[in-house]
Amino acid sequence: MSQAAYVQNTHLLRTSAFDLWRRLRSLLEGQGLDPATTVLVNLFPDGGDHEFGQCIDEDGRVYSFDLVYDRETPKAENRAVLRNWTDVTDTWQHRSFADEIANAFIWRPPSRKTALPA
């Protein structure tokens, strides 16, 4: 059984050294999100110059966005920008990919751990 896209995407977001993932981490930080606790639900090509993505932050807010860069130009991912950054927390249940977002919420690792005294 293969891993769900949000598991693979989140792993790549948090660990990949490839330029695209490093740039996406930086852009998410610019939006106030911590890549170490953000779940990347999906990221896929949606036209010649951008990828569509959705993520869940540490507080459970859901965002959709376009990652825009010219995929045909070498090293263009280093200049990628976020466009159409939208907080869809109150409406994601009625949008495309609602099932993937719901499953990502269920899978999402806890962001804080409580240590109980022995």
PDB file of N, CA and C in Angstrom:
ATOM      1  N   MET A   1       0.843  -1.190   0.000  1.00  0.00           N
ATOM      2  CA  MET A   1       0.000   0.000   0.000  1.00  0.00           C
ATOM      3  C   MET A   1       0.884   1.248   0.000  1.00  0.00           C
ATOM      4  N   SER A   2       0.656   2.162  -0.934  1.00  0.00           N
ATOM      5  CA  SER A   2       1.478   3.359  -1.020  1.00  0.00           C
ATOM      6  C   SER A   2       0.997   4.406  -0.020  1.00  0.00           C
ATOM      7  N   GLN A   3       1.919   5.286   0.339  1.00  0.00           N
ATOM      8  CA  GLN A   3       1.575   6.346   1.274  1.00  0.00           C
ATOM      9  C   GLN A   3       0.672   7.365   0.602  1.00  0.00           C
ATOM     10  N   ALA A   4      -0.150   8.001   1.390  1.00  0.00           N
ATOM     11  CA  ALA A   4      -1.006   9.070   0.883  1.00  0.00           C
ATOM     12  C   ALA A   4      -0.136  10.247   0.441  1.00  0.00           C
ATOM     13  N   ALA A   5      -0.638  11.020  -0.503  1.00  0.00           N
ATOM     14  CA  ALA A   5       0.114  12.157  -1.030  1.00  0.00           C
ATOM     15  C   ALA A   5       0.508  13.129   0.076  1.00  0.00           C
ATOM     16  N   TYR A   6      -0.393  13.365   1.044  1.00  0.00           N
ATOM     17  CA  TYR A   6      -0.067  14.328   2.098  1.00  0.00           C
ATOM     18  C   TYR A   6       1.070  13.836   2.991  1.00  0.00           C
ATOM     19  N   VAL A   7       1.228  12.526   3.142  1.00  0.00           N
ATOM     20  CA  VAL A   7       2.361  11.995   3.913  1.00  0.00           C
ATOM     21  C   VAL A   7       3.653  12.244   3.145  1.00  0.00           C
ATOM     22  N   GLN A   8       3.651  11.916   1.862  1.00  0.00           N
ATOM     23  CA  GLN A   8       4.843  12.123   1.025  1.00  0.00           C
ATOM     24  C   GLN A   8       5.177  13.602   0.900  1.00  0.00           C
ATOM     25  N   ASN A   9       4.170  14.427   0.626  1.00  0.00           N
ATOM     26  CA  ASN A   9       4.406  15.869   0.468  1.00  0.00           C
ATOM     27  C   ASN A   9       4.942  16.499   1.745  1.00  0.00           C
ATOM     28  N   THR A  10       4.379  16.118   2.866  1.00  0.00           N
ATOM     29  CA  THR A  10       4.826  16.677   4.142  1.00  0.00           C
ATOM     30  C   THR A  10       6.259  16.269   4.437  1.00  0.00           C
ATOM     31  N   HIS A  11       6.597  15.022   4.151  1.00  0.00           N
ATOM     32  CA  HIS A  11       7.976  14.568   4.341  1.00  0.00           C
ATOM     33  C   HIS A  11       8.933  15.375   3.464  1.00  0.00           C
ATOM     34  N   LEU A  12       8.584  15.559   2.206  1.00  0.00           N
ATOM     35  CA  LEU A  12       9.434  16.340   1.296  1.00  0.00           C
ATOM     36  C   LEU A  12       9.537  17.790   1.757  1.00  0.00           C
ATOM     37  N   LEU A  13       8.422  18.376   2.164  1.00  0.00           N
ATOM     38  CA  LEU A  13       8.437  19.747   2.649  1.00  0.00           C
ATOM     39  C   LEU A  13       9.414  19.894   3.812  1.00  0.00           C
ATOM     40  N   ARG A  14       9.406  18.950   4.703  1.00  0.00           N
ATOM     41  CA  ARG A  14      10.212  19.069   5.924  1.00  0.00           C
ATOM     42  C   ARG A  14      11.671  18.658   5.745  1.00  0.00           C
ATOM     43  N   THR A  15      11.982  17.821   4.740  1.00  0.00           N
ATOM     44  CA  THR A  15      13.328  17.248   4.701  1.00  0.00           C
ATOM     45  C   THR A  15      14.086  17.409   3.383  1.00  0.00           C
ATOM     46  N   SER A  16      13.416  17.668   2.274  1.00  0.00           N
ATOM     47  CA  SER A  16      14.097  17.645   0.987  1.00  0.00           C
ATOM     48  C   SER A  16      15.067  18.811   0.821  1.00  0.00           C
ATOM     49  N   ALA A  17      16.217  18.511   0.239  1.00  0.00           N
ATOM     50  CA  ALA A  17      17.223  19.530  -0.049  1.00  0.00           C
ATOM     51  C   ALA A  17      17.063  20.119  -1.450  1.00  0.00           C
ATOM     52  N   PHE A  18      16.114  19.613  -2.242  1.00  0.00           N
ATOM     53  CA  PHE A  18      15.898  20.151  -3.580  1.00  0.00           C
ATOM     54  C   PHE A  18      15.417  21.593  -3.500  1.00  0.00           C
ATOM     55  N   ASP A  19      15.827  22.384  -4.495  1.00  0.00           N
ATOM     56  CA  ASP A  19      15.548  23.822  -4.485  1.00  0.00           C
ATOM     57  C   ASP A  19      14.059  24.148  -4.342  1.00  0.00           C
ATOM     58  N   LEU A  20      13.203  23.415  -5.033  1.00  0.00           N
ATOM     59  CA  LEU A  20      11.768  23.695  -4.958  1.00  0.00           C
ATOM     60  C   LEU A  20      11.262  23.600  -3.524  1.00  0.00           C
ATOM     61  N   TRP A  21      11.658  22.550  -2.822  1.00  0.00           N
ATOM     62  CA  TRP A  21      11.175  22.350  -1.458  1.00  0.00           C
ATOM     63  C   TRP A  21      11.793  23.361  -0.493  1.00  0.00           C
ATOM     64  N   ARG A  22      13.051  23.709  -0.709  1.00  0.00           N
ATOM     65  CA  ARG A  22      13.684  24.733   0.133  1.00  0.00           C
ATOM     66  C   ARG A  22      12.985  26.074  -0.055  1.00  0.00           C
ATOM     67  N   ARG A  23      12.665  26.385  -1.312  1.00  0.00           N
ATOM     68  CA  ARG A  23      11.970  27.641  -1.598  1.00  0.00           C
ATOM     69  C   ARG A  23      10.573  27.637  -0.986  1.00  0.00           C
ATOM     70  N   LEU A  24       9.859  26.531  -1.096  1.00  0.00           N
ATOM     71  CA  LEU A  24       8.520  26.454  -0.520  1.00  0.00           C
ATOM     72  C   LEU A  24       8.573  26.619   0.995  1.00  0.00           C
ATOM     73  N   ARG A  25       9.564  26.013   1.648  1.00  0.00           N
ATOM     74  CA  ARG A  25       9.715  26.208   3.101  1.00  0.00           C
ATOM     75  C   ARG A  25       9.873  27.690   3.426  1.00  0.00           C
ATOM     76  N   SER A  26      10.721  28.360   2.670  1.00  0.00           N
ATOM     77  CA  SER A  26      10.959  29.788   2.894  1.00  0.00           C
ATOM     78  C   SER A  26       9.684  30.609   2.672  1.00  0.00           C
ATOM     79  N   LEU A  27       8.952  30.290   1.618  1.00  0.00           N
ATOM     80  CA  LEU A  27       7.722  31.021   1.332  1.00  0.00           C
ATOM     81  C   LEU A  27       6.663  30.795   2.411  1.00  0.00           C
ATOM     82  N   LEU A  28       6.556  29.570   2.902  1.00  0.00           N
ATOM     83  CA  LEU A  28       5.593  29.294   3.974  1.00  0.00           C
ATOM     84  C   LEU A  28       5.978  30.041   5.246  1.00  0.00           C
ATOM     85  N   GLU A  29       7.274  30.075   5.549  1.00  0.00           N
ATOM     86  CA  GLU A  29       7.729  30.844   6.708  1.00  0.00           C
ATOM     87  C   GLU A  29       7.351  32.312   6.557  1.00  0.00           C
ATOM     88  N   GLY A  30       7.442  32.824   5.328  1.00  0.00           N
ATOM     89  CA  GLY A  30       7.048  34.202   5.054  1.00  0.00           C
ATOM     90  C   GLY A  30       5.570  34.459   5.313  1.00  0.00           C
ATOM     91  N   GLN A  31       4.770  33.401   5.274  1.00  0.00           N
ATOM     92  CA  GLN A  31       3.339  33.507   5.578  1.00  0.00           C
ATOM     93  C   GLN A  31       3.057  33.240   7.062  1.00  0.00           C
ATOM     94  N   GLY A  32       4.117  33.013   7.832  1.00  0.00           N
ATOM     95  CA  GLY A  32       3.954  32.781   9.266  1.00  0.00           C
ATOM     96  C   GLY A  32       3.759  31.328   9.647  1.00  0.00           C
ATOM     97  N   LEU A  33       3.979  30.400   8.716  1.00  0.00           N
ATOM     98  CA  LEU A  33       3.823  28.973   9.000  1.00  0.00           C
ATOM     99  C   LEU A  33       5.182  28.350   9.271  1.00  0.00           C
ATOM    100  N   ASP A  34       5.214  27.385  10.160  1.00  0.00           N
ATOM    101  CA  ASP A  34       6.426  26.641  10.471  1.00  0.00           C
ATOM    102  C   ASP A  34       6.415  25.360   9.646  1.00  0.00           C
ATOM    103  N   PRO A  35       7.340  25.203   8.689  1.00  0.00           N
ATOM    104  CA  PRO A  35       7.361  23.989   7.871  1.00  0.00           C
ATOM    105  C   PRO A  35       7.508  22.704   8.693  1.00  0.00           C
ATOM    106  N   ALA A  36       8.083  22.811   9.882  1.00  0.00           N
ATOM    107  CA  ALA A  36       8.277  21.626  10.720  1.00  0.00           C
ATOM    108  C   ALA A  36       6.966  21.115  11.312  1.00  0.00           C
ATOM    109  N   THR A  37       5.920  21.943  11.295  1.00  0.00           N
ATOM    110  CA  THR A  37       4.633  21.522  11.851  1.00  0.00           C
ATOM    111  C   THR A  37       3.489  21.645  10.843  1.00  0.00           C
ATOM    112  N   THR A  38       3.797  22.116   9.646  1.00  0.00           N
ATOM    113  CA  THR A  38       2.782  22.268   8.600  1.00  0.00           C
ATOM    114  C   THR A  38       2.609  20.951   7.848  1.00  0.00           C
ATOM    115  N   VAL A  39       1.382  20.604   7.545  1.00  0.00           N
ATOM    116  CA  VAL A  39       1.080  19.431   6.718  1.00  0.00           C
ATOM    117  C   VAL A  39       0.770  19.942   5.315  1.00  0.00           C
ATOM    118  N   LEU A  40       1.508  19.445   4.335  1.00  0.00           N
ATOM    119  CA  LEU A  40       1.270  19.811   2.944  1.00  0.00           C
ATOM    120  C   LEU A  40       0.327  18.774   2.345  1.00  0.00           C
ATOM    121  N   VAL A  41      -0.934  19.145   2.232  1.00  0.00           N
ATOM    122  CA  VAL A  41      -1.972  18.212   1.771  1.00  0.00           C
ATOM    123  C   VAL A  41      -1.717  17.800   0.330  1.00  0.00           C
ATOM    124  N   ASN A  42      -1.478  18.774  -0.529  1.00  0.00           N
ATOM    125  CA  ASN A  42      -1.190  18.459  -1.920  1.00  0.00           C
ATOM    126  C   ASN A  42      -0.387  19.578  -2.559  1.00  0.00           C
ATOM    127  N   LEU A  43       0.310  19.223  -3.616  1.00  0.00           N
ATOM    128  CA  LEU A  43       1.057  20.164  -4.440  1.00  0.00           C
ATOM    129  C   LEU A  43       1.221  19.481  -5.782  1.00  0.00           C
ATOM    130  N   PHE A  44       0.598  20.041  -6.809  1.00  0.00           N
ATOM    131  CA  PHE A  44       0.671  19.401  -8.118  1.00  0.00           C
ATOM    132  C   PHE A  44       0.572  20.443  -9.227  1.00  0.00           C
ATOM    133  N   PRO A  45       1.162  20.132 -10.392  1.00  0.00           N
ATOM    134  CA  PRO A  45       1.097  21.065 -11.527  1.00  0.00           C
ATOM    135  C   PRO A  45      -0.354  21.376 -11.893  1.00  0.00           C
ATOM    136  N   ASP A  46      -0.602  22.652 -12.133  1.00  0.00           N
ATOM    137  CA  ASP A  46      -1.946  23.095 -12.486  1.00  0.00           C
ATOM    138  C   ASP A  46      -1.826  24.207 -13.519  1.00  0.00           C
ATOM    139  N   GLY A  47      -1.144  23.902 -14.592  1.00  0.00           N
ATOM    140  CA  GLY A  47      -0.866  24.884 -15.630  1.00  0.00           C
ATOM    141  C   GLY A  47       0.626  24.925 -15.898  1.00  0.00           C
ATOM    142  N   GLY A  48       1.011  25.622 -16.940  1.00  0.00           N
ATOM    143  CA  GLY A  48       2.410  25.631 -17.346  1.00  0.00           C
ATOM    144  C   GLY A  48       3.361  26.357 -16.423  1.00  0.00           C
ATOM    145  N   ASP A  49       2.830  27.248 -15.591  1.00  0.00           N
ATOM    146  CA  ASP A  49       3.736  28.053 -14.778  1.00  0.00           C
ATOM    147  C   ASP A  49       3.446  28.004 -13.288  1.00  0.00           C
ATOM    148  N   HIS A  50       2.591  27.076 -12.854  1.00  0.00           N
ATOM    149  CA  HIS A  50       2.319  27.051 -11.413  1.00  0.00           C
ATOM    150  C   HIS A  50       1.852  25.673 -10.952  1.00  0.00           C
ATOM    151  N   GLU A  51       1.941  25.514  -9.650  1.00  0.00           N
ATOM    152  CA  GLU A  51       1.446  24.316  -8.984  1.00  0.00           C
ATOM    153  C   GLU A  51       0.422  24.761  -7.950  1.00  0.00           C
ATOM    154  N   PHE A  52      -0.618  23.962  -7.792  1.00  0.00           N
ATOM    155  CA  PHE A  52      -1.659  24.240  -6.813  1.00  0.00           C
ATOM    156  C   PHE A  52      -1.337  23.470  -5.541  1.00  0.00           C
ATOM    157  N   GLY A  53      -1.491  24.113  -4.403  1.00  0.00           N
ATOM    158  CA  GLY A  53      -1.227  23.441  -3.144  1.00  0.00           C
ATOM    159  C   GLY A  53      -2.228  23.811  -2.069  1.00  0.00           C
ATOM    160  N   GLN A  54      -2.297  22.948  -1.063  1.00  0.00           N
ATOM    161  CA  GLN A  54      -3.094  23.199   0.130  1.00  0.00           C
ATOM    162  C   GLN A  54      -2.304  22.693   1.320  1.00  0.00           C
ATOM    163  N   CYS A  55      -2.412  23.413   2.422  1.00  0.00           N
ATOM    164  CA  CYS A  55      -1.684  22.998   3.620  1.00  0.00           C
ATOM    165  C   CYS A  55      -2.504  23.294   4.861  1.00  0.00           C
ATOM    166  N   ILE A  56      -2.098  22.645   5.939  1.00  0.00           N
ATOM    167  CA  ILE A  56      -2.724  22.823   7.251  1.00  0.00           C
ATOM    168  C   ILE A  56      -1.628  23.270   8.209  1.00  0.00           C
ATOM    169  N   ASP A  57      -1.851  24.381   8.901  1.00  0.00           N
ATOM    170  CA  ASP A  57      -0.825  24.850   9.826  1.00  0.00           C
ATOM    171  C   ASP A  57      -0.988  24.201  11.205  1.00  0.00           C
ATOM    172  N   GLU A  58      -0.092  24.553  12.080  1.00  0.00           N
ATOM    173  CA  GLU A  58      -0.055  23.962  13.424  1.00  0.00           C
ATOM    174  C   GLU A  58      -1.350  24.169  14.197  1.00  0.00           C
ATOM    175  N   ASP A  59      -2.031  25.274  13.923  1.00  0.00           N
ATOM    176  CA  ASP A  59      -3.274  25.594  14.630  1.00  0.00           C
ATOM    177  C   ASP A  59      -4.517  25.038  13.947  1.00  0.00           C
ATOM    178  N   GLY A  60      -4.319  24.294  12.855  1.00  0.00           N
ATOM    179  CA  GLY A  60      -5.449  23.691  12.159  1.00  0.00           C
ATOM    180  C   GLY A  60      -6.097  24.589  11.122  1.00  0.00           C
ATOM    181  N   ARG A  61      -5.444  25.685  10.766  1.00  0.00           N
ATOM    182  CA  ARG A  61      -5.959  26.546   9.704  1.00  0.00           C
ATOM    183  C   ARG A  61      -5.573  25.933   8.367  1.00  0.00           C
ATOM    184  N   VAL A  62      -6.467  26.036   7.395  1.00  0.00           N
ATOM    185  CA  VAL A  62      -6.253  25.446   6.075  1.00  0.00           C
ATOM    186  C   VAL A  62      -6.081  26.571   5.053  1.00  0.00           C
ATOM    187  N   TYR A  63      -5.043  26.437   4.215  1.00  0.00           N
ATOM    188  CA  TYR A  63      -4.738  27.439   3.202  1.00  0.00           C
ATOM    189  C   TYR A  63      -4.628  26.775   1.839  1.00  0.00           C
ATOM    190  N   SER A  64      -5.052  27.500   0.810  1.00  0.00           N
ATOM    191  CA  SER A  64      -4.798  27.072  -0.560  1.00  0.00           C
ATOM    192  C   SER A  64      -3.921  28.142  -1.206  1.00  0.00           C
ATOM    193  N   PHE A  65      -3.148  27.736  -2.208  1.00  0.00           N
ATOM    194  CA  PHE A  65      -2.211  28.667  -2.830  1.00  0.00           C
ATOM    195  C   PHE A  65      -1.763  28.138  -4.189  1.00  0.00           C
ATOM    196  N   ASP A  66      -1.187  29.031  -4.958  1.00  0.00           N
ATOM    197  CA  ASP A  66      -0.487  28.668  -6.185  1.00  0.00           C
ATOM    198  C   ASP A  66       0.984  28.974  -5.970  1.00  0.00           C
ATOM    199  N   LEU A  67       1.836  28.033  -6.326  1.00  0.00           N
ATOM    200  CA  LEU A  67       3.283  28.225  -6.316  1.00  0.00           C
ATOM    201  C   LEU A  67       3.660  28.493  -7.766  1.00  0.00           C
ATOM    202  N   VAL A  68       4.057  29.719  -8.053  1.00  0.00           N
ATOM    203  CA  VAL A  68       4.232  30.170  -9.430  1.00  0.00           C
ATOM    204  C   VAL A  68       5.711  30.281  -9.780  1.00  0.00           C
ATOM    205  N   TYR A  69       6.103  29.600 -10.870  1.00  0.00           N
ATOM    206  CA  TYR A  69       7.452  29.696 -11.432  1.00  0.00           C
ATOM    207  C   TYR A  69       7.423  29.042 -12.808  1.00  0.00           C
ATOM    208  N   ASP A  70       8.385  29.386 -13.643  1.00  0.00           N
ATOM    209  CA  ASP A  70       8.455  28.824 -14.991  1.00  0.00           C
ATOM    210  C   ASP A  70       9.210  27.507 -14.926  1.00  0.00           C
ATOM    211  N   ARG A  71       8.485  26.411 -15.028  1.00  0.00           N
ATOM    212  CA  ARG A  71       9.106  25.090 -14.880  1.00  0.00           C
ATOM    213  C   ARG A  71      10.071  24.768 -16.017  1.00  0.00           C
ATOM    214  N   GLU A  72      10.014  25.515 -17.108  1.00  0.00           N
ATOM    215  CA  GLU A  72      10.895  25.268 -18.247  1.00  0.00           C
ATOM    216  C   GLU A  72      12.241  25.983 -18.115  1.00  0.00           C
ATOM    217  N   THR A  73      12.339  26.944 -17.220  1.00  0.00           N
ATOM    218  CA  THR A  73      13.559  27.722 -17.054  1.00  0.00           C
ATOM    219  C   THR A  73      14.414  27.114 -15.943  1.00  0.00           C
ATOM    220  N   PRO A  74      15.685  26.829 -16.225  1.00  0.00           N
ATOM    221  CA  PRO A  74      16.560  26.264 -15.190  1.00  0.00           C
ATOM    222  C   PRO A  74      16.633  27.169 -13.960  1.00  0.00           C
ATOM    223  N   LYS A  75      16.573  26.560 -12.814  1.00  0.00           N
ATOM    224  CA  LYS A  75      16.683  27.230 -11.507  1.00  0.00           C
ATOM    225  C   LYS A  75      15.550  28.213 -11.221  1.00  0.00           C
ATOM    226  N   ALA A  76      14.478  28.170 -12.003  1.00  0.00           N
ATOM    227  CA  ALA A  76      13.358  29.101 -11.785  1.00  0.00           C
ATOM    228  C   ALA A  76      12.685  28.860 -10.445  1.00  0.00           C
ATOM    229  N   GLU A  77      12.743  27.624  -9.927  1.00  0.00           N
ATOM    230  CA  GLU A  77      12.094  27.349  -8.642  1.00  0.00           C
ATOM    231  C   GLU A  77      12.686  28.192  -7.517  1.00  0.00           C
ATOM    232  N   ASN A  78      13.927  28.666  -7.686  1.00  0.00           N
ATOM    233  CA  ASN A  78      14.536  29.527  -6.673  1.00  0.00           C
ATOM    234  C   ASN A  78      13.872  30.901  -6.601  1.00  0.00           C
ATOM    235  N   ARG A  79      13.113  31.237  -7.643  1.00  0.00           N
ATOM    236  CA  ARG A  79      12.415  32.525  -7.697  1.00  0.00           C
ATOM    237  C   ARG A  79      10.900  32.348  -7.610  1.00  0.00           C
ATOM    238  N   ALA A  80      10.464  31.164  -7.234  1.00  0.00           N
ATOM    239  CA  ALA A  80       9.025  30.899  -7.132  1.00  0.00           C
ATOM    240  C   ALA A  80       8.380  31.856  -6.136  1.00  0.00           C
ATOM    241  N   VAL A  81       7.119  32.166  -6.390  1.00  0.00           N
ATOM    242  CA  VAL A  81       6.357  33.038  -5.499  1.00  0.00           C
ATOM    243  C   VAL A  81       5.012  32.389  -5.194  1.00  0.00           C
ATOM    244  N   LEU A  82       4.433  32.765  -4.082  1.00  0.00           N
ATOM    245  CA  LEU A  82       3.091  32.310  -3.737  1.00  0.00           C
ATOM    246  C   LEU A  82       2.081  33.321  -4.261  1.00  0.00           C
ATOM    247  N   ARG A  83       1.053  32.807  -4.890  1.00  0.00           N
ATOM    248  CA  ARG A  83      -0.044  33.653  -5.350  1.00  0.00           C
ATOM    249  C   ARG A  83      -1.346  33.015  -4.879  1.00  0.00           C
ATOM    250  N   ASN A  84      -2.366  33.825  -4.822  1.00  0.00           N
ATOM    251  CA  ASN A  84      -3.703  33.354  -4.447  1.00  0.00           C
ATOM    252  C   ASN A  84      -3.692  32.652  -3.085  1.00  0.00           C
ATOM    253  N   TRP A  85      -2.876  33.145  -2.162  1.00  0.00           N
ATOM    254  CA  TRP A  85      -2.832  32.603  -0.801  1.00  0.00           C
ATOM    255  C   TRP A  85      -4.175  32.893  -0.141  1.00  0.00           C
ATOM    256  N   THR A  86      -4.914  31.842   0.196  1.00  0.00           N
ATOM    257  CA  THR A  86      -6.271  32.012   0.698  1.00  0.00           C
ATOM    258  C   THR A  86      -6.508  31.137   1.913  1.00  0.00           C
ATOM    259  N   ASP A  87      -7.009  31.738   2.974  1.00  0.00           N
ATOM    260  CA  ASP A  87      -7.403  30.987   4.161  1.00  0.00           C
ATOM    261  C   ASP A  87      -8.772  30.367   3.871  1.00  0.00           C
ATOM    262  N   VAL A  88      -8.813  29.038   3.760  1.00  0.00           N
ATOM    263  CA  VAL A  88     -10.059  28.336   3.442  1.00  0.00           C
ATOM    264  C   VAL A  88     -10.546  27.502   4.627  1.00  0.00           C
ATOM    265  N   THR A  89     -10.104  27.885   5.823  1.00  0.00           N
ATOM    266  CA  THR A  89     -10.437  27.128   7.028  1.00  0.00           C
ATOM    267  C   THR A  89     -11.942  26.928   7.185  1.00  0.00           C
ATOM    268  N   ASP A  90     -12.713  27.948   6.877  1.00  0.00           N
ATOM    269  CA  ASP A  90     -14.158  27.871   7.082  1.00  0.00           C
ATOM    270  C   ASP A  90     -14.911  27.276   5.893  1.00  0.00           C
ATOM    271  N   THR A  91     -14.214  27.014   4.794  1.00  0.00           N
ATOM    272  CA  THR A  91     -14.923  26.556   3.587  1.00  0.00           C
ATOM    273  C   THR A  91     -14.336  25.297   2.955  1.00  0.00           C
ATOM    274  N   TRP A  92     -13.241  24.760   3.495  1.00  0.00           N
ATOM    275  CA  TRP A  92     -12.576  23.645   2.804  1.00  0.00           C
ATOM    276  C   TRP A  92     -13.481  22.424   2.656  1.00  0.00           C
ATOM    277  N   GLN A  93     -14.432  22.244   3.567  1.00  0.00           N
ATOM    278  CA  GLN A  93     -15.320  21.085   3.500  1.00  0.00           C
ATOM    279  C   GLN A  93     -16.189  21.105   2.250  1.00  0.00           C
ATOM    280  N   HIS A  94     -16.333  22.261   1.616  1.00  0.00           N
ATOM    281  CA  HIS A  94     -17.193  22.413   0.441  1.00  0.00           C
ATOM    282  C   HIS A  94     -16.391  22.660  -0.827  1.00  0.00           C
ATOM    283  N   ARG A  95     -15.079  22.443  -0.773  1.00  0.00           N
ATOM    284  CA  ARG A  95     -14.205  22.688  -1.917  1.00  0.00           C
ATOM    285  C   ARG A  95     -13.654  21.375  -2.463  1.00  0.00           C
ATOM    286  N   SER A  96     -12.931  21.493  -3.558  1.00  0.00           N
ATOM    287  CA  SER A  96     -12.248  20.329  -4.109  1.00  0.00           C
ATOM    288  C   SER A  96     -11.242  19.803  -3.093  1.00  0.00           C
ATOM    289  N   PHE A  97     -11.036  18.519  -3.099  1.00  0.00           N
ATOM    290  CA  PHE A  97     -10.060  17.838  -2.244  1.00  0.00           C
ATOM    291  C   PHE A  97     -10.435  17.826  -0.767  1.00  0.00           C
ATOM    292  N   ALA A  98     -11.720  17.955  -0.465  1.00  0.00           N
ATOM    293  CA  ALA A  98     -12.165  17.946   0.931  1.00  0.00           C
ATOM    294  C   ALA A  98     -11.797  16.629   1.618  1.00  0.00           C
ATOM    295  N   ASP A  99     -11.916  15.512   0.915  1.00  0.00           N
ATOM    296  CA  ASP A  99     -11.571  14.216   1.515  1.00  0.00           C
ATOM    297  C   ASP A  99     -10.095  14.147   1.865  1.00  0.00           C
ATOM    298  N   GLU A 100      -9.226  14.649   0.973  1.00  0.00           N
ATOM    299  CA  GLU A 100      -7.791  14.638   1.255  1.00  0.00           C
ATOM    300  C   GLU A 100      -7.453  15.497   2.464  1.00  0.00           C
ATOM    301  N   ILE A 101      -8.101  16.649   2.558  1.00  0.00           N
ATOM    302  CA  ILE A 101      -7.849  17.529   3.706  1.00  0.00           C
ATOM    303  C   ILE A 101      -8.333  16.868   4.988  1.00  0.00           C
ATOM    304  N   ALA A 102      -9.516  16.267   4.960  1.00  0.00           N
ATOM    305  CA  ALA A 102     -10.034  15.581   6.149  1.00  0.00           C
ATOM    306  C   ALA A 102      -9.093  14.460   6.572  1.00  0.00           C
ATOM    307  N   ASN A 103      -8.617  13.672   5.630  1.00  0.00           N
ATOM    308  CA  ASN A 103      -7.687  12.589   5.952  1.00  0.00           C
ATOM    309  C   ASN A 103      -6.367  13.123   6.487  1.00  0.00           C
ATOM    310  N   ALA A 104      -5.903  14.243   5.950  1.00  0.00           N
ATOM    311  CA  ALA A 104      -4.667  14.850   6.446  1.00  0.00           C
ATOM    312  C   ALA A 104      -4.842  15.330   7.888  1.00  0.00           C
ATOM    313  N   PHE A 105      -6.024  15.838   8.225  1.00  0.00           N
ATOM    314  CA  PHE A 105      -6.301  16.225   9.616  1.00  0.00           C
ATOM    315  C   PHE A 105      -6.207  15.005  10.531  1.00  0.00           C
ATOM    316  N   ILE A 106      -6.763  13.901  10.105  1.00  0.00           N
ATOM    317  CA  ILE A 106      -6.733  12.676  10.913  1.00  0.00           C
ATOM    318  C   ILE A 106      -5.309  12.182  11.087  1.00  0.00           C
ATOM    319  N   TRP A 107      -4.524  12.226  10.005  1.00  0.00           N
ATOM    320  CA  TRP A 107      -3.136  11.736  10.036  1.00  0.00           C
ATOM    321  C   TRP A 107      -2.195  12.675  10.767  1.00  0.00           C
ATOM    322  N   ARG A 108      -2.492  13.961  10.727  1.00  0.00           N
ATOM    323  CA  ARG A 108      -1.583  15.005  11.209  1.00  0.00           C
ATOM    324  C   ARG A 108      -0.981  14.651  12.559  1.00  0.00           C
ATOM    325  N   PRO A 109       0.348  14.612  12.598  1.00  0.00           N
ATOM    326  CA  PRO A 109       1.001  14.330  13.888  1.00  0.00           C
ATOM    327  C   PRO A 109       0.682  15.435  14.892  1.00  0.00           C
ATOM    328  N   PRO A 110       0.609  15.088  16.157  1.00  0.00           N
ATOM    329  CA  PRO A 110       0.349  16.125  17.159  1.00  0.00           C
ATOM    330  C   PRO A 110       1.488  17.137  17.150  1.00  0.00           C
ATOM    331  N   SER A 111       1.155  18.410  17.270  1.00  0.00           N
ATOM    332  CA  SER A 111       2.180  19.453  17.210  1.00  0.00           C
ATOM    333  C   SER A 111       2.864  19.661  18.560  1.00  0.00           C
ATOM    334  N   ARG A 112       2.183  19.318  19.601  1.00  0.00           N
ATOM    335  CA  ARG A 112       2.771  19.477  20.937  1.00  0.00           C
ATOM    336  C   ARG A 112       2.614  18.162  21.694  1.00  0.00           C
ATOM    337  N   LYS A 113       3.639  17.867  22.460  1.00  0.00           N
ATOM    338  CA  LYS A 113       3.574  16.649  23.275  1.00  0.00           C
ATOM    339  C   LYS A 113       3.603  17.072  24.741  1.00  0.00           C
ATOM    340  N   THR A 114       2.826  16.402  25.521  1.00  0.00           N
ATOM    341  CA  THR A 114       2.776  16.676  26.959  1.00  0.00           C
ATOM    342  C   THR A 114       3.561  15.600  27.684  1.00  0.00           C
ATOM    343  N   ALA A 115       4.511  16.028  28.469  1.00  0.00           N
ATOM    344  CA  ALA A 115       5.292  15.097  29.265  1.00  0.00           C
ATOM    345  C   ALA A 115       4.662  14.992  30.653  1.00  0.00           C
ATOM    346  N   LEU A 116       4.246  13.790  31.013  1.00  0.00           N
ATOM    347  CA  LEU A 116       3.643  13.588  32.331  1.00  0.00           C
ATOM    348  C   LEU A 116       4.705  13.105  33.307  1.00  0.00           C
ATOM    349  N   PRO A 117       4.640  13.595  34.531  1.00  0.00           N
ATOM    350  CA  PRO A 117       5.636  13.140  35.531  1.00  0.00           C
ATOM    351  C   PRO A 117       5.455  11.648  35.797  1.00  0.00           C
ATOM    352  N   ALA A 118       6.574  11.006  36.042  1.00  0.00           N
ATOM    353  CA  ALA A 118       6.543   9.556  36.299  1.00  0.00           C
ATOM    354  C   ALA A 118       5.995   9.240  37.665  1.00  0.00           C
TER     355      ALA A 118
END
